[in-house]
Amino acid sequence: MPFPSIKKLLHQKIGLNASSVGDSSIERAVRYRLAEKKIDDIKHYYEMLLADATELAELVEEVVVPETWFFRNNTPFDAFRDYVINSIEPKLKPGEKIRILSIPCASGEEPYSAAICLHRAGVDLAKIAIDAVDISKRALTKAKRAIYGKNSFRGVDQEIQESYFKKGGAGYRLIDEIRRVVNFQQGNFLVGPLSQEDNYYDAIFCRNLLIYFDRGTQKTAMEKLHRALKERGALFVGHAEASQVTREIFVPLYTARSFGYVKVNEARRRKTKRAVELPQNMPGHWQTVLDQLAGISPAKSSVTAGAAVNKSRAKKTSLAKTQPLPEPAQPNISLASVERLTNQGKYAEAIELCLRFLKQSPDSADGYYLLGLIRDLNGETKEAENILRKAIYLDPNHERALRLAALVAEKRGDSEAALSYQRRAKRVAQRKPGQSSVA
């Protein structure tokens, strides 16, 4: 049975969970490579994959198609910048660098964005060292060339494009000063350590990789990320991956929707029981969150309020924290597929697929919660609120839907409704054994 064997091989080599991309995607990739190699026998092709690492890499290229652009989902970069400026750079010793890892780095937009972000904030480029790793040789070739077309600049300020790129015949070429900061290398996330030594990186971007792994591989991945990060280092993941972050050794970063987490040791985690402390010069717009959340007194510090809000924001993105999502009637339509499209920024396609899922499973509160989340990410606040009401109707104890509904209500200025949702969410959380209401 060559095709199941190929799926198994992809799992062994790169940790790919076939259901995350769908059998049809893998089949299409295999058929394409068969045509390219002019091979008719799939069994012969499987034997080639076992013997030829280059061909295996070519197949991986076809299966895992990276979708990225500069400053993708901009909030994580804002949080990264502020955390580096306020919490990492002031503690650097003479001669030390701010060490950053981007994995997978795809065609380079993410690590280059990190470098540009810090440079615009006034950080000396000589202090920045970014390692960028990807399994795809094809993507790395493009990254090193650093020439990009219009699709790579979706939502990017014109000022950034004009300051850091030079127009050429083939597109826009990144200036050499930024290119020299990033060191690209080919590597497999699952093979060997992520860093030269433990506790090495100040920040790691690992966004939208864990969604392709099964649970066991996700756990292994988190252990690798934890070892590579310095204590108090920052980890940034994709929004659908927030549930995979081990809360005993990571605490949420203070910025809403950054999907950032700070590494702490277990003793400190038990002692603090809240999000990472806010810097004294925290940007003013972060103070606009509610001073009260689920019974927290306004007299308490903004640190505690920020921690509670952070818990609220982080939990709304976790789609499978307490229990697995229900399987749809048809295996080819799953909420995991919807999450993948959402992580790729394909909101219209994600909405369409989620609606198809709900047609199959009309009583799925998780489905309506995810649809509400996508609508909110897509700027459709009113539609998101109506959909979340449906999720809460189906499951009055759906904590993530309650917390997201609170955020949506706050966004449209209804503080009373927001506080009501927050209190309900807190009551649900307090009924769960071993769970703190502020973490």
Protein backbone atom coordinates (compact mmCIF):
# COMPACT_ATOMS: atom_id res chain seq x y z
CA MET A 1 0.00 0.00 0.00
CA PRO A 2 2.38 2.75 -1.22
CA PHE A 3 0.22 5.81 -0.49
CA PRO A 4 -0.30 5.06 3.23
CA SER A 5 3.42 4.30 3.37
CA ILE A 6 4.21 7.71 1.88
CA LYS A 7 2.00 9.40 4.48
CA LYS A 8 3.78 7.45 7.21
CA LEU A 9 7.16 8.47 5.80
CA LEU A 10 6.16 12.15 5.82
CA HIS A 11 5.10 11.79 9.43
CA GLN A 12 8.39 10.14 10.38
CA LYS A 13 10.57 12.67 8.58
CA ILE A 14 8.83 15.99 9.21
CA GLY A 15 6.13 15.15 11.77
CA LEU A 16 3.33 15.85 9.28
CA ASN A 17 -0.15 14.97 10.49
CA ALA A 18 -1.87 14.04 7.21
CA SER A 19 -5.28 15.21 8.44
CA SER A 20 -3.93 18.76 8.83
CA VAL A 21 -3.52 19.13 5.07
CA GLY A 22 -5.88 16.39 3.88
CA ASP A 23 -5.18 13.21 1.95
CA SER A 24 -6.20 14.90 -1.29
CA SER A 25 -3.40 17.48 -0.93
CA ILE A 26 -0.83 14.77 -0.42
CA GLU A 27 -2.20 12.76 -3.33
CA ARG A 28 -2.00 15.79 -5.62
CA ALA A 29 1.60 16.41 -4.57
CA VAL A 30 2.53 12.77 -5.21
CA ARG A 31 0.86 12.79 -8.65
CA TYR A 32 2.71 15.98 -9.54
CA ARG A 33 6.07 14.49 -8.55
CA LEU A 34 5.29 11.26 -10.44
CA ALA A 35 4.69 13.33 -13.56
CA GLU A 36 7.83 15.39 -13.00
CA LYS A 37 9.96 12.26 -12.60
CA LYS A 38 8.10 10.45 -15.42
CA ILE A 39 7.31 7.51 -13.15
CA ASP A 40 4.14 5.43 -13.53
CA ASP A 41 4.57 3.08 -10.58
CA ILE A 42 3.84 4.66 -7.19
CA LYS A 43 5.58 1.75 -5.45
CA HIS A 44 8.75 2.58 -7.36
CA TYR A 45 8.34 6.22 -6.34
CA TYR A 46 8.04 5.26 -2.67
CA GLU A 47 11.27 3.29 -2.94
CA MET A 48 12.88 6.38 -4.49
CA LEU A 49 11.75 8.50 -1.53
CA LEU A 50 13.42 6.06 0.87
CA ALA A 51 16.71 6.26 -1.01
CA ASP A 52 16.78 9.87 -2.24
CA ALA A 53 16.62 12.67 0.34
CA THR A 54 16.51 15.25 -2.44
CA GLU A 55 13.31 13.80 -3.89
CA LEU A 56 11.76 13.59 -0.43
CA ALA A 57 12.53 17.30 -0.02
CA GLU A 58 10.86 18.01 -3.37
CA LEU A 59 7.72 16.18 -2.25
CA VAL A 60 7.69 18.15 1.01
CA GLU A 61 7.89 21.33 -1.07
CA GLU A 62 4.67 20.36 -2.85
CA VAL A 63 2.81 19.24 0.27
CA VAL A 64 3.63 22.14 2.60
CA VAL A 65 3.11 25.37 0.66
CA PRO A 66 4.17 28.36 2.80
CA GLU A 67 1.85 31.36 2.92
CA THR A 68 3.55 34.44 4.30
CA TRP A 69 4.10 38.17 3.85
CA PHE A 70 5.87 41.02 5.62
CA PHE A 71 4.54 41.92 9.07
CA ARG A 72 1.90 39.21 8.80
CA ASN A 73 -0.77 39.76 11.48
CA ASN A 74 1.05 42.86 12.64
CA THR A 75 0.23 42.69 16.38
CA PRO A 76 2.83 40.00 17.21
CA PHE A 77 5.55 42.24 15.77
CA ASP A 78 4.36 45.19 17.85
CA ALA A 79 4.48 43.02 20.96
CA PHE A 80 7.89 41.61 19.98
CA ARG A 81 9.30 45.11 19.48
CA ASP A 82 8.03 46.42 22.81
CA TYR A 83 9.13 43.36 24.75
CA VAL A 84 12.64 43.53 23.29
CA ILE A 85 12.91 47.28 23.93
CA ASN A 86 11.58 47.14 27.48
CA SER A 87 12.62 43.75 28.80
CA ILE A 88 15.53 42.35 26.77
CA GLU A 89 17.73 45.15 25.42
CA PRO A 90 18.18 46.95 28.79
CA LYS A 91 19.63 43.74 30.29
CA LEU A 92 22.19 43.09 27.53
CA LYS A 93 25.78 42.95 28.66
CA PRO A 94 28.48 44.68 26.59
CA GLY A 95 29.08 42.72 23.40
CA GLU A 96 25.93 40.61 23.74
CA LYS A 97 23.40 40.36 20.94
CA ILE A 98 19.64 40.02 20.86
CA ARG A 99 19.30 36.48 19.51
CA ILE A 100 16.16 35.59 17.56
CA LEU A 101 15.02 32.41 15.81
CA SER A 102 12.43 32.21 13.01
CA ILE A 103 11.37 28.62 12.32
CA PRO A 104 10.00 27.85 9.80
CA CYS A 105 11.14 31.01 8.05
CA ALA A 106 9.68 30.16 4.61
CA SER A 107 10.82 32.74 2.04
CA GLY A 108 12.21 35.14 4.63
CA GLU A 109 9.47 37.70 5.17
CA GLU A 110 9.12 36.90 8.88
CA PRO A 111 12.78 37.16 9.99
CA TYR A 112 13.33 40.22 7.82
CA SER A 113 10.21 41.79 9.38
CA ALA A 114 11.68 41.18 12.84
CA ALA A 115 14.91 42.93 11.85
CA ILE A 116 13.10 45.88 10.28
CA CYS A 117 10.82 46.12 13.30
CA LEU A 118 13.71 46.47 15.75
CA HIS A 119 15.68 48.82 13.50
CA ARG A 120 12.72 51.18 13.18
CA ALA A 121 12.48 51.16 16.98
CA GLY A 122 16.07 52.41 17.22
CA VAL A 123 17.92 49.17 17.97
CA ASP A 124 21.44 49.10 16.54
CA LEU A 125 21.62 46.41 13.85
CA ALA A 126 24.97 45.33 15.28
CA LYS A 127 23.08 44.10 18.35
CA ILE A 128 20.71 41.88 16.35
CA ALA A 129 21.42 38.27 15.31
CA ILE A 130 18.58 36.35 13.64
CA ASP A 131 18.74 32.66 12.71
CA ALA A 132 16.16 31.64 10.12
CA VAL A 133 15.55 27.93 9.49
CA ASP A 134 13.36 26.09 7.02
CA ILE A 135 13.20 22.60 5.55
CA SER A 136 12.52 23.98 2.07
CA LYS A 137 15.61 24.60 -0.07
CA ARG A 138 13.42 26.37 -2.60
CA ALA A 139 12.07 28.81 -0.02
CA LEU A 140 15.53 29.51 1.37
CA THR A 141 16.86 30.32 -2.08
CA LYS A 142 14.17 32.99 -2.42
CA ALA A 143 14.84 34.25 1.10
CA LYS A 144 18.54 34.75 0.41
CA ARG A 145 17.80 36.59 -2.84
CA ALA A 146 15.48 38.90 -0.84
CA ILE A 147 13.52 40.04 -3.90
CA TYR A 148 9.76 40.19 -3.38
CA GLY A 149 6.62 40.87 -5.38
CA LYS A 150 3.51 42.80 -4.42
CA ASN A 151 1.88 39.90 -2.54
CA SER A 152 4.62 40.05 0.07
CA PHE A 153 3.63 43.62 0.99
CA ARG A 154 -0.03 43.09 1.89
CA GLY A 155 -0.92 45.77 4.44
CA VAL A 156 2.66 47.06 4.74
CA ASP A 157 3.12 50.80 5.24
CA GLN A 158 4.40 52.52 2.13
CA GLU A 159 7.06 54.20 4.23
CA ILE A 160 8.55 50.80 5.17
CA GLN A 161 8.61 49.64 1.58
CA GLU A 162 10.29 52.85 0.43
CA SER A 163 12.85 52.89 3.24
CA TYR A 164 13.94 49.27 3.24
CA PHE A 165 13.46 48.08 -0.35
CA LYS A 166 14.75 49.17 -3.74
CA LYS A 167 12.58 48.76 -6.81
CA GLY A 168 14.02 46.50 -9.45
CA GLY A 169 12.83 44.79 -12.60
CA ALA A 170 11.89 41.56 -10.80
CA GLY A 171 10.32 43.20 -7.77
CA TYR A 172 11.55 44.91 -4.61
CA ARG A 173 14.98 44.05 -3.21
CA LEU A 174 15.66 44.33 0.52
CA ILE A 175 18.56 46.60 1.47
CA ASP A 176 21.83 44.89 2.40
CA GLU A 177 21.94 46.32 5.94
CA ILE A 178 18.88 44.25 6.90
CA ARG A 179 19.87 41.20 4.86
CA ARG A 180 23.17 40.89 6.73
CA VAL A 181 21.37 40.56 10.07
CA VAL A 182 19.67 37.28 9.11
CA ASN A 183 21.47 33.93 8.83
CA PHE A 184 19.50 31.41 6.76
CA GLN A 185 20.04 27.68 7.06
CA GLN A 186 18.24 24.54 5.99
CA GLY A 187 17.06 22.27 8.76
CA ASN A 188 14.35 19.92 9.96
CA PHE A 189 12.58 21.11 13.12
CA LEU A 190 12.44 17.56 14.47
CA VAL A 191 16.09 16.65 13.88
CA GLY A 192 18.54 17.76 16.54
CA PRO A 193 18.35 20.77 18.89
CA LEU A 194 17.06 24.15 17.76
CA SER A 195 20.00 26.08 19.21
CA GLN A 196 23.74 25.83 19.76
CA GLU A 197 23.09 25.51 23.46
CA ASP A 198 20.13 25.52 25.83
CA ASN A 199 18.70 28.89 26.88
CA TYR A 200 20.09 30.55 23.76
CA TYR A 201 17.41 32.72 22.10
CA ASP A 202 15.76 35.86 23.44
CA ALA A 203 12.77 35.41 21.12
CA ILE A 204 11.44 32.67 18.83
CA PHE A 205 8.86 32.98 16.08
CA CYS A 206 7.32 29.56 15.45
CA ARG A 207 4.00 30.41 13.86
CA ASN A 208 1.71 28.02 12.01
CA LEU A 209 3.97 24.98 12.22
CA LEU A 210 2.44 23.14 15.18
CA ILE A 211 -0.89 22.87 13.34
CA TYR A 212 0.72 20.38 10.95
CA PHE A 213 1.84 18.05 13.79
CA ASP A 214 -0.04 15.39 15.73
CA ARG A 215 -0.39 15.76 19.51
CA GLY A 216 2.73 13.76 20.34
CA THR A 217 4.88 15.73 17.92
CA GLN A 218 3.41 19.01 19.20
CA LYS A 219 4.50 18.08 22.72
CA THR A 220 8.01 17.28 21.48
CA ALA A 221 8.09 20.58 19.59
CA MET A 222 7.14 22.57 22.68
CA GLU A 223 9.91 20.90 24.66
CA LYS A 224 12.44 21.86 21.97
CA LEU A 225 11.22 25.45 21.90
CA HIS A 226 11.39 25.68 25.67
CA ARG A 227 14.96 24.41 25.79
CA ALA A 228 16.10 26.84 23.08
CA LEU A 229 14.63 29.93 24.78
CA LYS A 230 16.28 31.87 27.55
CA GLU A 231 14.29 32.25 30.74
CA ARG A 232 12.05 35.30 30.20
CA GLY A 233 12.49 34.83 26.46
CA ALA A 234 9.42 35.33 24.26
CA LEU A 235 7.75 32.70 22.06
CA PHE A 236 5.28 33.68 19.32
CA VAL A 237 2.91 31.07 17.85
CA GLY A 238 -0.09 31.13 15.51
CA HIS A 239 -3.50 31.94 16.99
CA ALA A 240 -4.80 28.38 16.54
CA GLU A 241 -1.71 27.01 18.29
CA ALA A 242 -2.20 28.86 21.57
CA SER A 243 -3.75 25.76 23.15
CA GLN A 244 -0.49 23.85 22.60
CA VAL A 245 1.60 26.22 24.73
CA THR A 246 2.45 24.57 28.05
CA ARG A 247 1.08 26.93 30.67
CA GLU A 248 3.24 25.51 33.49
CA ILE A 249 6.39 26.90 31.86
CA PHE A 250 5.04 29.77 29.75
CA VAL A 251 2.89 32.72 30.76
CA PRO A 252 0.99 34.91 28.26
CA LEU A 253 2.58 38.10 27.05
CA TYR A 254 0.62 41.22 27.96
CA THR A 255 -0.40 42.23 24.44
CA ALA A 256 -3.82 41.19 23.21
CA ARG A 257 -3.76 39.04 20.06
CA SER A 258 0.02 38.78 20.03
CA PHE A 259 -0.17 35.04 20.78
CA GLY A 260 3.10 35.60 22.58
CA TYR A 261 4.31 33.74 25.68
CA VAL A 262 7.22 34.24 28.05
CA LYS A 263 9.29 31.34 29.38
CA VAL A 264 9.37 31.00 33.15
CA ASN A 265 10.45 28.19 35.40
CA GLU A 266 7.82 26.18 37.24
CA ALA A 267 8.59 27.69 40.64
CA ARG A 268 8.11 31.22 39.34
CA ARG A 269 4.94 30.14 37.49
CA ARG A 270 3.38 28.87 40.73
CA LYS A 271 4.46 32.02 42.57
CA THR A 272 3.22 34.60 40.09
CA LYS A 273 0.06 32.93 38.74
CA ARG A 274 -0.33 35.79 36.32
CA ALA A 275 0.97 37.13 33.05
CA VAL A 276 4.46 38.53 32.68
CA GLU A 277 4.96 41.86 34.43
CA LEU A 278 4.30 44.93 32.34
CA PRO A 279 7.13 47.40 31.75
CA GLN A 280 6.77 50.76 33.43
CA ASN A 281 6.63 52.57 30.08
CA MET A 282 3.98 50.28 28.65
CA PRO A 283 2.40 51.88 25.54
CA GLY A 284 -0.65 53.92 26.49
CA HIS A 285 -3.11 52.18 24.19
CA TRP A 286 -2.70 48.95 26.16
CA GLN A 287 -4.15 50.73 29.20
CA THR A 288 -7.49 51.09 27.44
CA VAL A 289 -8.54 47.58 28.40
CA LEU A 290 -11.08 47.22 31.19
CA ASP A 291 -9.74 47.93 34.68
CA GLN A 292 -12.21 45.36 35.88
CA LEU A 293 -12.41 41.83 34.60
CA ALA A 294 -14.61 39.21 36.16
CA GLY A 295 -14.66 40.72 39.61
CA ILE A 296 -11.13 42.11 39.73
CA SER A 297 -11.13 45.39 41.62
CA PRO A 298 -10.11 48.58 39.79
CA ALA A 299 -7.93 49.34 42.79
CA LYS A 300 -5.64 46.49 41.82
CA SER A 301 -2.63 47.23 39.68
CA SER A 302 -2.70 47.35 35.89
CA VAL A 303 -0.31 44.40 36.04
CA THR A 304 -3.05 42.15 37.43
CA ALA A 305 -5.68 43.56 35.10
CA GLY A 306 -3.38 43.11 32.14
CA ALA A 307 -2.76 39.54 33.18
CA ALA A 308 -6.45 38.77 33.42
CA VAL A 309 -7.24 40.37 30.08
CA ASN A 310 -4.34 38.49 28.56
CA LYS A 311 -5.80 35.23 29.82
CA SER A 312 -9.12 36.19 28.31
CA ARG A 313 -7.60 37.02 24.91
CA ALA A 314 -5.37 33.94 24.82
CA LYS A 315 -8.17 31.56 25.77
CA LYS A 316 -10.49 32.82 23.06
CA THR A 317 -8.09 31.52 20.42
CA SER A 318 -7.65 28.09 21.95
CA LEU A 319 -9.95 25.74 20.05
CA ALA A 320 -9.19 22.55 21.90
CA LYS A 321 -7.83 23.40 25.35
CA THR A 322 -10.15 21.35 27.51
CA GLN A 323 -11.61 18.78 25.15
CA PRO A 324 -11.19 17.66 21.56
CA LEU A 325 -13.38 19.29 18.95
CA PRO A 326 -16.21 17.12 17.64
CA GLU A 327 -15.55 15.32 14.39
CA PRO A 328 -17.77 16.38 11.49
CA ALA A 329 -19.90 13.88 9.67
CA GLN A 330 -17.63 13.99 6.62
CA PRO A 331 -13.92 13.50 7.36
CA ASN A 332 -12.89 15.84 4.54
CA ILE A 333 -14.42 18.83 6.37
CA SER A 334 -12.92 19.45 9.79
CA LEU A 335 -12.40 22.40 12.09
CA ALA A 336 -8.66 21.73 11.85
CA SER A 337 -8.90 22.54 8.13
CA VAL A 338 -10.76 25.74 8.97
CA GLU A 339 -8.03 26.70 11.45
CA ARG A 340 -5.35 26.11 8.84
CA LEU A 341 -7.04 28.45 6.36
CA THR A 342 -7.46 31.04 9.10
CA ASN A 343 -3.77 30.89 9.97
CA GLN A 344 -2.97 31.47 6.30
CA GLY A 345 -5.06 34.65 6.36
CA LYS A 346 -7.59 33.14 3.93
CA TYR A 347 -10.59 34.34 5.88
CA ALA A 348 -13.13 34.11 3.04
CA GLU A 349 -12.20 30.49 2.36
CA ALA A 350 -12.15 29.69 6.09
CA ILE A 351 -15.63 31.15 6.51
CA GLU A 352 -16.97 29.16 3.57
CA LEU A 353 -15.48 25.92 4.88
CA CYS A 354 -16.73 26.60 8.41
CA LEU A 355 -20.25 27.17 7.08
CA ARG A 356 -20.03 23.82 5.30
CA PHE A 357 -18.95 22.23 8.56
CA LEU A 358 -21.90 23.79 10.39
CA LYS A 359 -24.26 22.52 7.72
CA GLN A 360 -23.07 19.04 8.65
CA SER A 361 -22.98 19.74 12.40
CA PRO A 362 -25.57 22.45 13.11
CA ASP A 363 -25.38 21.96 16.88
CA SER A 364 -21.60 22.47 17.16
CA ALA A 365 -20.86 25.28 19.59
CA ASP A 366 -17.16 24.95 18.72
CA GLY A 367 -18.01 25.50 15.07
CA TYR A 368 -19.94 28.68 15.79
CA TYR A 369 -17.20 29.88 18.12
CA LEU A 370 -14.58 29.44 15.40
CA LEU A 371 -16.81 31.16 12.83
CA GLY A 372 -17.26 34.08 15.23
CA LEU A 373 -13.50 34.27 15.75
CA ILE A 374 -12.84 34.40 12.00
CA ARG A 375 -15.51 37.06 11.47
CA ASP A 376 -13.92 39.14 14.22
CA LEU A 377 -10.42 38.73 12.73
CA ASN A 378 -11.89 39.79 9.39
CA GLY A 379 -13.25 43.00 10.92
CA GLU A 380 -16.91 41.87 10.88
CA THR A 381 -17.63 42.73 14.50
CA LYS A 382 -21.43 42.77 14.31
CA GLU A 383 -21.62 39.42 12.51
CA ALA A 384 -19.12 37.95 14.98
CA GLU A 385 -21.27 38.95 17.96
CA ASN A 386 -24.41 37.40 16.49
CA ILE A 387 -22.60 34.15 15.74
CA LEU A 388 -21.07 33.99 19.21
CA ARG A 389 -24.54 34.33 20.74
CA LYS A 390 -25.46 31.17 18.83
CA ALA A 391 -22.43 29.35 20.24
CA ILE A 392 -23.34 30.43 23.78
CA TYR A 393 -26.98 29.41 23.24
CA LEU A 394 -25.84 25.93 22.22
CA ASP A 395 -23.35 25.73 25.10
CA PRO A 396 -23.93 28.25 27.91
CA ASN A 397 -20.65 27.09 29.51
CA HIS A 398 -18.49 27.67 26.42
CA GLU A 399 -15.77 29.70 28.13
CA ARG A 400 -13.91 30.70 24.97
CA ALA A 401 -17.08 31.94 23.29
CA LEU A 402 -17.99 33.93 26.41
CA ARG A 403 -14.57 35.57 26.58
CA LEU A 404 -14.52 36.40 22.89
CA ALA A 405 -18.04 37.81 23.14
CA ALA A 406 -16.78 40.04 25.96
CA LEU A 407 -13.97 41.36 23.78
CA VAL A 408 -16.31 41.99 20.85
CA ALA A 409 -18.78 43.83 23.10
CA GLU A 410 -15.96 45.96 24.50
CA LYS A 411 -14.81 46.75 20.96
CA ARG A 412 -18.20 48.26 20.09
CA GLY A 413 -18.24 50.21 23.36
CA ASP A 414 -20.75 48.16 25.39
CA SER A 415 -18.82 47.83 28.65
CA GLU A 416 -21.85 46.54 30.54
CA ALA A 417 -22.33 43.60 28.17
CA ALA A 418 -18.58 42.96 28.15
CA LEU A 419 -18.46 42.78 31.94
CA SER A 420 -21.47 40.45 32.00
CA TYR A 421 -19.80 38.03 29.58
CA GLN A 422 -16.54 38.24 31.55
CA ARG A 423 -18.27 37.36 34.81
CA ARG A 424 -20.00 34.39 33.21
CA ALA A 425 -16.70 33.20 31.77
CA LYS A 426 -15.05 33.52 35.17
CA ARG A 427 -17.77 31.44 36.82
CA VAL A 428 -17.25 28.74 34.20
CA ALA A 429 -13.49 28.79 34.76
CA GLN A 430 -13.87 28.60 38.55
CA ARG A 431 -15.92 25.43 38.21
CA LYS A 432 -13.00 23.71 36.49
CA PRO A 433 -10.77 21.89 39.01
CA GLY A 434 -7.23 23.17 39.45
CA GLN A 435 -7.68 26.32 37.35
CA SER A 436 -6.84 29.80 38.61
CA SER A 437 -9.06 32.67 37.60
CA VAL A 438 -6.03 34.88 37.01
CA ALA A 439 -3.11 33.34 35.15
